[in-house]
Protein backbone atom coordinates (compact mmCIF):
# COMPACT_ATOMS: atom_id res chain seq x y z
CA MET A 1 9.10 7.98 -17.81
CA ARG A 2 7.61 6.07 -14.85
CA SER A 3 7.38 9.29 -12.79
CA LEU A 4 5.65 11.04 -15.70
CA ILE A 5 3.05 8.26 -15.95
CA ILE A 6 2.36 8.38 -12.21
CA TYR A 7 2.12 12.18 -12.26
CA SER A 8 -0.30 12.08 -15.22
CA LEU A 9 -2.45 9.48 -13.46
CA LEU A 10 -2.68 11.58 -10.32
CA LEU A 11 -3.53 14.65 -12.42
CA PHE A 12 -6.41 12.73 -14.02
CA VAL A 13 -7.77 11.78 -10.61
CA PHE A 14 -7.47 15.37 -9.40
CA LEU A 15 -9.45 16.74 -12.35
CA SER A 16 -12.12 14.04 -12.33
CA CYS A 17 -12.59 13.69 -8.56
CA GLY A 18 -12.12 17.24 -7.37
CA GLY A 19 -8.87 16.71 -5.46
CA GLU A 20 -8.30 19.00 -2.53
CA VAL A 21 -5.56 21.63 -2.53
CA SER A 22 -3.89 22.99 0.58
CA ASP A 23 -4.42 26.66 1.37
CA GLN A 24 -0.83 26.88 2.53
CA LYS A 25 1.66 28.42 0.16
CA ILE A 26 4.78 26.45 -0.68
CA PRO A 27 7.89 28.55 -0.19
CA LYS A 28 10.22 29.09 -3.11
CA SER A 29 13.88 28.49 -2.38
CA ASP A 30 16.97 27.03 -3.96
CA SER A 31 16.68 23.81 -1.93
CA LEU A 32 12.87 23.54 -2.35
CA GLN A 33 12.58 22.70 1.34
CA VAL A 34 8.90 22.19 2.14
CA ASN A 35 6.62 20.68 4.73
CA GLN A 36 4.21 17.82 4.11
CA LEU A 37 1.04 19.56 2.89
CA SER A 38 -1.43 16.78 2.12
CA VAL A 39 -5.00 17.60 3.09
CA GLY A 40 -6.83 15.40 5.60
CA GLN A 41 -5.81 12.30 7.50
CA ALA A 42 -5.82 8.75 6.18
CA LYS A 43 -7.76 6.22 8.27
CA ILE A 44 -7.47 2.47 8.59
CA PHE A 45 -10.62 0.47 9.31
CA GLU A 46 -8.88 -2.22 11.30
CA PRO A 47 -9.90 -5.83 10.56
CA ILE A 48 -11.91 -7.60 13.23
CA GLN A 49 -9.98 -10.35 14.98
CA ASP A 50 -11.94 -13.61 14.69
CA GLU A 51 -11.45 -17.38 14.58
CA GLU A 52 -12.68 -17.86 11.00
CA ILE A 53 -10.09 -18.86 8.42
CA VAL A 54 -11.21 -17.92 4.93
CA VAL A 55 -10.30 -20.40 2.16
CA LEU A 56 -11.07 -19.65 -1.48
CA GLU A 57 -10.45 -22.17 -4.28
CA ASN A 58 -10.90 -21.89 -8.03
CA GLU A 59 -9.48 -24.05 -10.82
CA GLY A 60 -6.84 -25.62 -8.59
CA ILE A 61 -5.57 -22.41 -6.99
CA THR A 62 -6.24 -22.06 -3.26
CA LEU A 63 -5.94 -18.93 -1.13
CA THR A 64 -5.92 -19.50 2.64
CA GLU A 65 -6.12 -16.71 5.20
CA ILE A 66 -3.03 -16.17 7.33
CA LYS A 67 -3.82 -15.29 10.93
CA SER A 68 -1.64 -12.68 12.61
CA ASN A 69 -1.85 -10.60 15.75
CA ASN A 70 -2.27 -6.86 15.31
CA GLU A 71 -1.07 -5.92 18.78
CA GLU A 72 -2.45 -2.59 19.99
CA GLU A 73 0.88 -1.53 21.50
CA ILE A 74 2.67 -1.70 18.12
CA SER A 75 3.12 1.74 16.57
CA LEU A 76 5.04 3.51 13.82
CA GLU A 77 5.50 7.28 13.79
CA LEU A 78 7.25 9.46 11.22
CA VAL A 79 9.36 11.98 13.14
CA THR A 80 10.67 13.83 10.09
CA ASN A 81 8.38 16.70 9.10
CA SER A 82 10.49 18.69 6.65
CA PHE A 83 11.53 17.48 3.22
CA LYS A 84 13.43 18.67 0.16
CA GLU A 85 13.91 17.70 -3.48
CA GLY A 86 16.56 15.01 -3.83
CA GLU A 87 17.96 12.83 -1.07
CA ASN A 88 16.27 12.82 2.33
CA GLU A 89 16.43 10.81 5.53
CA LEU A 90 13.14 9.66 7.03
CA MET A 91 13.31 9.01 10.76
CA PHE A 92 10.68 6.78 12.35
CA THR A 93 9.88 5.87 15.93
CA VAL A 94 8.92 2.21 16.41
CA LYS A 95 7.23 0.99 19.60
CA GLY A 96 5.99 -2.43 20.70
CA MET A 97 8.20 -4.35 18.25
CA GLU A 98 11.86 -5.30 18.59
CA ASP A 99 12.49 -7.55 15.58
CA TYR A 100 10.68 -5.26 13.15
CA SER A 101 10.73 -4.47 9.47
CA ILE A 102 9.37 -1.29 7.90
CA ALA A 103 7.86 -1.74 4.44
CA VAL A 104 7.73 1.37 2.26
CA ILE A 105 5.57 1.47 -0.89
CA GLU A 106 6.38 4.40 -3.17
CA ASN A 107 3.60 5.63 -5.50
CA ASN A 108 2.10 2.13 -5.19
CA TYR A 109 4.90 0.75 -7.36
CA THR A 110 8.25 0.20 -5.65
CA VAL A 111 8.36 -1.76 -2.36
CA ASN A 112 11.40 -1.75 -0.07
CA HIS A 113 11.98 -3.23 3.39
CA TYR A 114 14.16 -1.79 6.14
CA GLN A 115 15.31 -3.19 9.50
CA LYS A 116 16.25 0.25 10.81
CA ASN A 117 14.35 3.38 11.77
CA ILE A 118 16.30 5.85 9.57
CA ILE A 119 15.50 5.34 5.89
CA PRO A 120 17.01 7.08 2.83
CA LYS A 121 14.39 8.44 0.46
CA GLU A 122 14.59 10.49 -2.73
CA PHE A 123 11.80 12.96 -3.49
CA MET A 124 11.23 14.43 -6.92
CA TYR A 125 9.42 17.54 -8.09
CA GLY A 126 5.65 17.13 -7.69
CA ASN A 127 3.64 14.63 -5.65
CA ASN A 128 5.52 11.88 -3.80
CA VAL A 129 3.03 9.45 -2.22
CA PHE A 130 4.45 6.82 0.09
CA LEU A 131 2.95 4.29 2.48
CA ALA A 132 5.07 2.97 5.37
CA PHE A 133 3.96 0.21 7.73
CA LEU A 134 5.36 -2.39 10.09
CA THR A 135 5.47 -6.05 9.14
CA HIS A 136 5.60 -9.32 11.05
CA SER A 137 8.51 -11.74 10.71
CA ASN A 138 6.72 -13.56 7.87
CA GLY A 139 6.42 -10.30 5.92
CA VAL A 140 2.68 -9.83 6.52
CA GLY A 141 1.74 -6.22 7.20
CA VAL A 142 0.37 -5.04 10.55
CA LYS A 143 -3.11 -3.71 9.81
CA THR A 144 -3.72 -0.99 12.41
CA ASN A 145 -3.88 2.79 12.37
CA LYS A 146 -0.91 3.15 14.69
CA ALA A 147 1.33 0.90 12.58
CA LEU A 148 0.85 2.76 9.29
CA VAL A 149 1.92 6.13 7.87
CA LEU A 150 0.56 7.51 4.58
CA LYS A 151 2.08 10.75 3.27
CA ASN A 152 2.14 12.81 0.12
CA VAL A 153 5.27 14.95 0.10
CA LEU A 154 4.82 17.92 -2.19
CA ILE A 155 7.85 19.50 -3.79
CA ASP A 156 6.99 22.94 -5.20
CA ASP A 157 3.56 21.83 -6.41
CA GLU A 158 -0.10 21.51 -5.41
CA SER A 159 -1.66 18.32 -4.08
CA LEU A 160 -3.07 15.99 -6.72
CA PHE A 161 -3.64 13.20 -4.20
CA ASN A 162 -6.86 13.11 -2.18
CA MET A 163 -5.93 11.78 1.25
CA ASN A 164 -9.61 11.17 2.10
CA GLN A 165 -10.52 8.88 -0.83
CA PRO A 166 -10.64 5.08 -0.59
CA HIS A 167 -7.23 3.75 -1.64
CA LEU A 168 -5.91 0.24 -2.34
CA PHE A 169 -2.17 -0.42 -2.11
CA TYR A 170 -0.60 -3.55 -3.61
CA TYR A 171 2.01 -5.13 -1.34
CA LEU A 172 2.55 -8.89 -1.90
CA PRO A 173 3.50 -11.20 -3.64
CA LYS A 174 7.06 -10.03 -4.17
CA GLU A 175 8.53 -10.24 -7.66
CA GLN A 176 10.44 -13.35 -6.54
CA THR A 177 9.24 -15.53 -3.70
CA ILE A 178 9.54 -19.04 -2.30
CA THR A 179 6.12 -18.99 -0.66
CA PRO A 180 3.74 -16.59 -2.45
CA ILE A 181 1.49 -14.54 -0.16
CA LEU A 182 -1.24 -12.11 -1.18
CA ASP A 183 -1.23 -9.00 1.00
CA PHE A 184 -2.47 -5.46 0.47
CA CYS A 185 -3.45 -2.33 2.35
CA LEU A 186 -6.81 -0.56 2.46
CA VAL A 187 -7.03 3.12 3.38
CA ASN A 188 -10.26 5.02 4.15
CA THR A 189 -12.34 1.95 3.35
CA THR A 190 -12.95 -1.66 4.20
CA ILE A 191 -14.24 -4.72 2.35
CA LYS A 192 -17.22 -6.70 3.59
CA LYS A 193 -20.24 -8.67 2.46
CA GLY A 194 -22.71 -6.35 0.79
CA GLY A 195 -20.12 -3.57 0.58
CA ASN A 196 -16.85 -2.89 -1.17
CA GLN A 197 -14.93 -5.96 -2.31
CA LEU A 198 -11.51 -6.91 -3.58
CA LYS A 199 -11.26 -8.63 -6.95
CA VAL A 200 -8.10 -10.71 -7.36
CA THR A 201 -7.13 -12.27 -10.68
CA ILE A 202 -4.31 -14.83 -10.69
CA ASN A 203 -3.28 -16.23 -14.07
CA GLY A 204 -6.70 -15.27 -15.43
CA ILE A 205 -8.58 -16.96 -12.57
CA GLU A 206 -10.82 -14.64 -10.52
CA PHE A 207 -11.44 -14.51 -6.77
CA MET A 208 -13.66 -12.13 -4.79
CA PHE A 209 -12.69 -11.14 -1.24
CA ASP A 210 -14.82 -9.51 1.43
CA LYS A 211 -12.32 -9.89 4.27
CA TRP A 212 -9.10 -7.91 4.66
CA ALA A 213 -6.29 -10.27 5.55
CA ALA A 214 -3.17 -11.83 4.06
CA TYR A 215 -3.57 -15.10 2.13
CA LYS A 216 -1.19 -17.92 1.27
CA ILE A 217 -1.34 -18.81 -2.44
CA GLU A 218 -1.10 -22.52 -3.30
CA GLY A 219 -1.69 -24.66 -6.37
CA LEU A 220 0.32 -22.63 -8.90
CA THR A 221 1.58 -24.89 -11.69
CA LYS A 222 4.21 -22.62 -13.22
CA SER A 223 7.03 -20.47 -11.94
CA GLU A 224 6.02 -17.18 -13.62
CA ASN A 225 2.58 -15.89 -12.69
CA THR A 226 0.46 -12.76 -13.04
CA ILE A 227 -1.74 -11.16 -10.41
CA ARG A 228 -4.02 -8.13 -10.45
CA ILE A 229 -6.07 -6.62 -7.64
CA LYS A 230 -8.95 -4.12 -7.88
CA LEU A 231 -11.04 -2.29 -5.31
CA LEU A 232 -14.71 -2.54 -6.33
CA ASP A 233 -17.88 -1.03 -4.91
CA LYS A 234 -20.94 -3.10 -3.97
CA GLU A 235 -22.16 -2.88 -7.58
CA GLY A 236 -18.94 -4.44 -8.84
CA LYS A 237 -17.62 -1.20 -10.34
CA LEU A 238 -14.05 0.02 -9.91
CA ILE A 239 -13.77 2.71 -7.23
CA GLU A 240 -12.04 5.75 -8.68
CA GLY A 241 -8.54 6.40 -7.40
CA PRO A 242 -4.96 6.39 -8.70
CA PHE A 243 -4.06 3.06 -7.07
CA ASN A 244 -7.32 1.07 -6.97
CA ASP A 245 -6.37 -1.09 -9.95
CA SER A 246 -2.88 -2.53 -9.57
CA GLY A 247 -2.58 -3.54 -13.21
CA ASP A 248 -0.92 -6.85 -13.99
CA ARG A 249 1.98 -7.67 -11.68
CA VAL A 250 4.33 -10.56 -12.44
CA PHE A 251 5.81 -12.75 -9.71
CA ARG A 252 8.05 -15.79 -9.91
CA VAL A 253 7.93 -18.74 -7.53
CA VAL A 254 11.47 -19.97 -6.92
CA LYS A 255 12.78 -23.01 -5.10
CA GLU A 256 14.44 -22.61 -1.74
CA SER A 257 18.20 -22.81 -2.08
CA THR A 258 19.85 -25.71 -0.29
């Protein structure tokens, strides 16, 4: 059912936004072995490194920017270039990081972390969008072009995902966490004063962000919380795209075990 919902959402975006279709023909075979056929290349507008620490507070909830180094030598590359329906192995090359973790977001819904460069992945018929990126030891994502891979693996179908549109990917908080952190990924766009912005709603309380970074969430008074993030244009309107409104996500703050 979840796959059907995601497929329907991507179909809506394709029809309303004029999604691009590859001119390449997908071969028919028993194994449905295909190559990655998404059109265009995703781009990251890397955040500027500065000394400012953004702090936003509203109704007792405080979000404080977490500084991290996006080292230029850190890189993540997907070596695998052929895929099939069913079980696959994705092989990555990681450089500039020894104690690394690879986060993989599937269709902007499921998030998994791996401490190895060969990752099992199941692909289904249709569009399979996944975002892979390196993370620091505290779980915060590295926000550079070289540390991120965005792919849409097509299995016997045409592309319903526009690789060149602005996209917002929800990453953190996790469903269960000791220290809640807000983190996300922007593709083909940035947020800034007078431009696109990120609207974050936590337990019904709204915050507006114009700086891409991770933020520590403090001041929550209950264990179960809701969060929703949206990518808005400078007029405050939702930017069209299959992932630009995360919907309500629930996360629980748990105590550290002793």
